[in-house]
Amino acid sequence: MERRGRVKIESKSFGISILYGLIFIFAFALISSLIFAFILRFTSAQEGSLQYVITALSFIGLFGGGFLSGGKRKEKGWLIGGFTGLIYSFFVFLFQYLGYDRLFDAEQVIYHTCYTLIAMMGGILGVNISSNNSRRAA
């Protein structure tokens, strides 16, 4: 009986950790989008000139989301970060498919694969940093 209750708590923690990571990613994307919208609107900058900066911020956002998920879960960082990246990519895919009736093209598949890998790296680092802080506190 004790084992069953523990599994339920662990799975809840898994979902909550992913949720924290996804909230971070979407909040970061929203704030970044607003900043770039203002830059594009009120300056003479073109979207093409900001492409690499936007891509870099996307990677930072996914890394941060994976990091937060891994730090919250405190174990299996590659798994929690990977799921965070995959769920993010799934939401983007659903938005694009249902909203614009388009599938991912080859370039987008590469980007979203990299996003998932970056989120996995963030999850691994988040677990290691949170574990090191736990050991120091004890």
C-alpha atoms as a PDB file:
ATOM      1  CA  MET A   1       0.000   0.000   0.000  1.00  0.00           C
ATOM      2  CA  GLU A   2       2.827   2.349   0.836  1.00  0.00           C
ATOM      3  CA  ARG A   3       4.439   1.856  -2.601  1.00  0.00           C
ATOM      4  CA  ARG A   4       1.254   2.823  -4.453  1.00  0.00           C
ATOM      5  CA  GLY A   5       0.970   6.173  -2.642  1.00  0.00           C
ATOM      6  CA  ARG A   6       4.606   6.960  -3.361  1.00  0.00           C
ATOM      7  CA  VAL A   7       4.207   6.365  -7.106  1.00  0.00           C
ATOM      8  CA  LYS A   8       1.202   8.660  -7.194  1.00  0.00           C
ATOM      9  CA  ILE A   9       3.124  11.457  -5.472  1.00  0.00           C
ATOM     10  CA  GLU A  10       6.115  10.982  -7.807  1.00  0.00           C
ATOM     11  CA  SER A  11       3.976  11.161 -10.942  1.00  0.00           C
ATOM     12  CA  LYS A  12       2.275  14.293  -9.631  1.00  0.00           C
ATOM     13  CA  SER A  13       5.688  15.845  -9.018  1.00  0.00           C
ATOM     14  CA  PHE A  14       6.719  14.888 -12.563  1.00  0.00           C
ATOM     15  CA  GLY A  15       3.732  16.683 -14.086  1.00  0.00           C
ATOM     16  CA  ILE A  16       4.079  19.723 -11.850  1.00  0.00           C
ATOM     17  CA  SER A  17       7.769  20.020 -12.771  1.00  0.00           C
ATOM     18  CA  ILE A  18       6.959  19.966 -16.481  1.00  0.00           C
ATOM     19  CA  LEU A  19       4.187  22.505 -15.935  1.00  0.00           C
ATOM     20  CA  TYR A  20       6.611  24.918 -14.229  1.00  0.00           C
ATOM     21  CA  GLY A  21       9.036  24.557 -17.118  1.00  0.00           C
ATOM     22  CA  LEU A  22       6.331  25.125 -19.734  1.00  0.00           C
ATOM     23  CA  ILE A  23       4.990  28.179 -17.918  1.00  0.00           C
ATOM     24  CA  PHE A  24       8.508  29.616 -17.869  1.00  0.00           C
ATOM     25  CA  ILE A  25       9.028  28.904 -21.577  1.00  0.00           C
ATOM     26  CA  PHE A  26       5.741  30.468 -22.675  1.00  0.00           C
ATOM     27  CA  ALA A  27       6.141  33.471 -20.364  1.00  0.00           C
ATOM     28  CA  PHE A  28       9.682  34.018 -21.666  1.00  0.00           C
ATOM     29  CA  ALA A  29       8.417  33.721 -25.250  1.00  0.00           C
ATOM     30  CA  LEU A  30       5.586  36.171 -24.587  1.00  0.00           C
ATOM     31  CA  ILE A  31       7.863  38.789 -23.034  1.00  0.00           C
ATOM     32  CA  SER A  32      10.491  38.339 -25.765  1.00  0.00           C
ATOM     33  CA  SER A  33       7.825  38.633 -28.463  1.00  0.00           C
ATOM     34  CA  LEU A  34       6.500  41.856 -26.977  1.00  0.00           C
ATOM     35  CA  ILE A  35       9.988  43.354 -26.812  1.00  0.00           C
ATOM     36  CA  PHE A  36      10.754  42.409 -30.412  1.00  0.00           C
ATOM     37  CA  ALA A  37       7.365  43.651 -31.583  1.00  0.00           C
ATOM     38  CA  PHE A  38       8.135  47.044 -30.070  1.00  0.00           C
ATOM     39  CA  ILE A  39      11.626  47.040 -31.576  1.00  0.00           C
ATOM     40  CA  LEU A  40      10.263  46.222 -35.022  1.00  0.00           C
ATOM     41  CA  ARG A  41       7.446  48.744 -34.727  1.00  0.00           C
ATOM     42  CA  PHE A  42       9.346  51.748 -33.406  1.00  0.00           C
ATOM     43  CA  THR A  43      12.748  51.335 -35.069  1.00  0.00           C
ATOM     44  CA  SER A  44      13.935  50.775 -38.602  1.00  0.00           C
ATOM     45  CA  ALA A  45      15.119  47.230 -37.756  1.00  0.00           C
ATOM     46  CA  GLN A  46      13.934  44.473 -40.068  1.00  0.00           C
ATOM     47  CA  GLU A  47      12.833  41.027 -38.956  1.00  0.00           C
ATOM     48  CA  GLY A  48      15.624  39.361 -40.932  1.00  0.00           C
ATOM     49  CA  SER A  49      18.294  41.308 -39.082  1.00  0.00           C
ATOM     50  CA  LEU A  50      17.005  40.021 -35.725  1.00  0.00           C
ATOM     51  CA  GLN A  51      16.628  36.381 -36.792  1.00  0.00           C
ATOM     52  CA  TYR A  52      19.730  35.092 -34.995  1.00  0.00           C
ATOM     53  CA  VAL A  53      18.950  37.022 -31.820  1.00  0.00           C
ATOM     54  CA  ILE A  54      15.413  35.623 -31.780  1.00  0.00           C
ATOM     55  CA  THR A  55      16.732  32.092 -32.338  1.00  0.00           C
ATOM     56  CA  ALA A  56      19.270  32.513 -29.521  1.00  0.00           C
ATOM     57  CA  LEU A  57      16.551  33.734 -27.159  1.00  0.00           C
ATOM     58  CA  SER A  58      14.412  30.740 -28.112  1.00  0.00           C
ATOM     59  CA  PHE A  59      17.233  28.422 -27.111  1.00  0.00           C
ATOM     60  CA  ILE A  60      17.722  30.345 -23.862  1.00  0.00           C
ATOM     61  CA  GLY A  61      14.004  30.049 -23.094  1.00  0.00           C
ATOM     62  CA  LEU A  62      13.966  26.299 -23.699  1.00  0.00           C
ATOM     63  CA  PHE A  63      17.143  25.823 -21.676  1.00  0.00           C
ATOM     64  CA  GLY A  64      15.588  27.827 -18.835  1.00  0.00           C
ATOM     65  CA  GLY A  65      12.389  25.791 -18.949  1.00  0.00           C
ATOM     66  CA  GLY A  66      14.325  22.519 -18.850  1.00  0.00           C
ATOM     67  CA  PHE A  67      16.519  23.893 -16.067  1.00  0.00           C
ATOM     68  CA  LEU A  68      13.491  24.853 -13.994  1.00  0.00           C
ATOM     69  CA  SER A  69      11.815  21.489 -14.598  1.00  0.00           C
ATOM     70  CA  GLY A  70      14.943  19.565 -13.640  1.00  0.00           C
ATOM     71  CA  GLY A  71      15.568  21.708 -10.589  1.00  0.00           C
ATOM     72  CA  LYS A  72      11.997  21.249  -9.420  1.00  0.00           C
ATOM     73  CA  ARG A  73      12.060  17.465  -9.910  1.00  0.00           C
ATOM     74  CA  LYS A  74      15.635  16.969  -8.596  1.00  0.00           C
ATOM     75  CA  GLU A  75      16.112  13.692 -10.513  1.00  0.00           C
ATOM     76  CA  LYS A  76      16.139  12.332 -14.070  1.00  0.00           C
ATOM     77  CA  GLY A  77      16.950  15.719 -15.574  1.00  0.00           C
ATOM     78  CA  TRP A  78      17.402  14.426 -19.110  1.00  0.00           C
ATOM     79  CA  LEU A  79      13.950  12.838 -19.003  1.00  0.00           C
ATOM     80  CA  ILE A  80      12.102  15.773 -17.459  1.00  0.00           C
ATOM     81  CA  GLY A  81      13.882  18.273 -19.713  1.00  0.00           C
ATOM     82  CA  GLY A  82      13.202  16.119 -22.758  1.00  0.00           C
ATOM     83  CA  PHE A  83       9.507  15.874 -21.953  1.00  0.00           C
ATOM     84  CA  THR A  84       9.364  19.627 -21.372  1.00  0.00           C
ATOM     85  CA  GLY A  85      10.921  20.265 -24.801  1.00  0.00           C
ATOM     86  CA  LEU A  86       8.707  17.695 -26.511  1.00  0.00           C
ATOM     87  CA  ILE A  87       5.515  19.073 -24.991  1.00  0.00           C
ATOM     88  CA  TYR A  88       6.532  22.602 -26.006  1.00  0.00           C
ATOM     89  CA  SER A  89       7.148  21.399 -29.568  1.00  0.00           C
ATOM     90  CA  PHE A  90       3.824  19.554 -29.536  1.00  0.00           C
ATOM     91  CA  PHE A  91       1.972  22.728 -28.534  1.00  0.00           C
ATOM     92  CA  VAL A  92       3.711  24.705 -31.273  1.00  0.00           C
ATOM     93  CA  PHE A  93       2.896  21.952 -33.764  1.00  0.00           C
ATOM     94  CA  LEU A  94      -0.774  21.925 -32.732  1.00  0.00           C
ATOM     95  CA  PHE A  95      -0.973  25.710 -32.994  1.00  0.00           C
ATOM     96  CA  GLN A  96       0.569  25.656 -36.452  1.00  0.00           C
ATOM     97  CA  TYR A  97      -1.416  22.677 -37.712  1.00  0.00           C
ATOM     98  CA  LEU A  98      -4.804  23.662 -36.306  1.00  0.00           C
ATOM     99  CA  GLY A  99      -4.376  27.409 -36.796  1.00  0.00           C
ATOM    100  CA  TYR A 100      -2.555  27.559 -40.123  1.00  0.00           C
ATOM    101  CA  ASP A 101      -3.189  24.066 -41.560  1.00  0.00           C
ATOM    102  CA  ARG A 102       0.563  23.485 -42.053  1.00  0.00           C
ATOM    103  CA  LEU A 103       2.827  20.699 -40.883  1.00  0.00           C
ATOM    104  CA  PHE A 104       6.410  21.232 -39.748  1.00  0.00           C
ATOM    105  CA  ASP A 105       8.849  21.548 -42.617  1.00  0.00           C
ATOM    106  CA  ALA A 106      12.369  20.052 -42.473  1.00  0.00           C
ATOM    107  CA  GLU A 107      13.895  23.223 -40.991  1.00  0.00           C
ATOM    108  CA  GLN A 108      11.319  23.344 -38.201  1.00  0.00           C
ATOM    109  CA  VAL A 109      11.872  19.663 -37.388  1.00  0.00           C
ATOM    110  CA  ILE A 110      15.587  20.414 -36.954  1.00  0.00           C
ATOM    111  CA  TYR A 111      14.853  23.453 -34.765  1.00  0.00           C
ATOM    112  CA  HIS A 112      12.426  21.551 -32.542  1.00  0.00           C
ATOM    113  CA  THR A 113      14.824  18.626 -32.224  1.00  0.00           C
ATOM    114  CA  CYS A 114      17.466  21.097 -31.059  1.00  0.00           C
ATOM    115  CA  TYR A 115      14.950  22.725 -28.704  1.00  0.00           C
ATOM    116  CA  THR A 116      14.267  19.353 -27.099  1.00  0.00           C
ATOM    117  CA  LEU A 117      17.987  18.606 -26.765  1.00  0.00           C
ATOM    118  CA  ILE A 118      18.619  22.044 -25.230  1.00  0.00           C
ATOM    119  CA  ALA A 119      15.759  21.515 -22.753  1.00  0.00           C
ATOM    120  CA  MET A 120      17.298  18.137 -21.871  1.00  0.00           C
ATOM    121  CA  MET A 121      20.637  19.811 -21.173  1.00  0.00           C
ATOM    122  CA  GLY A 122      18.866  22.393 -19.032  1.00  0.00           C
ATOM    123  CA  GLY A 123      17.117  19.622 -17.110  1.00  0.00           C
ATOM    124  CA  ILE A 124      20.399  17.829 -16.462  1.00  0.00           C
ATOM    125  CA  LEU A 125      22.040  21.013 -15.215  1.00  0.00           C
ATOM    126  CA  GLY A 126      18.979  21.911 -13.137  1.00  0.00           C
ATOM    127  CA  VAL A 127      19.088  18.550 -11.350  1.00  0.00           C
ATOM    128  CA  ASN A 128      22.830  18.790 -10.725  1.00  0.00           C
ATOM    129  CA  ILE A 129      22.703  22.327  -9.392  1.00  0.00           C
ATOM    130  CA  SER A 130      19.676  21.662  -7.176  1.00  0.00           C
ATOM    131  CA  SER A 131      21.328  18.450  -5.882  1.00  0.00           C
ATOM    132  CA  ASN A 132      24.542  20.329  -5.061  1.00  0.00           C
ATOM    133  CA  ASN A 133      22.578  23.008  -3.194  1.00  0.00           C
ATOM    134  CA  SER A 134      20.699  20.311  -1.249  1.00  0.00           C
ATOM    135  CA  ARG A 135      23.973  18.666  -0.218  1.00  0.00           C
ATOM    136  CA  ARG A 136      25.443  21.962   0.962  1.00  0.00           C
ATOM    137  CA  ALA A 137      22.361  22.773   3.037  1.00  0.00           C
ATOM    138  CA  ALA A 138      22.424  19.377   4.774  1.00  0.00           C
END
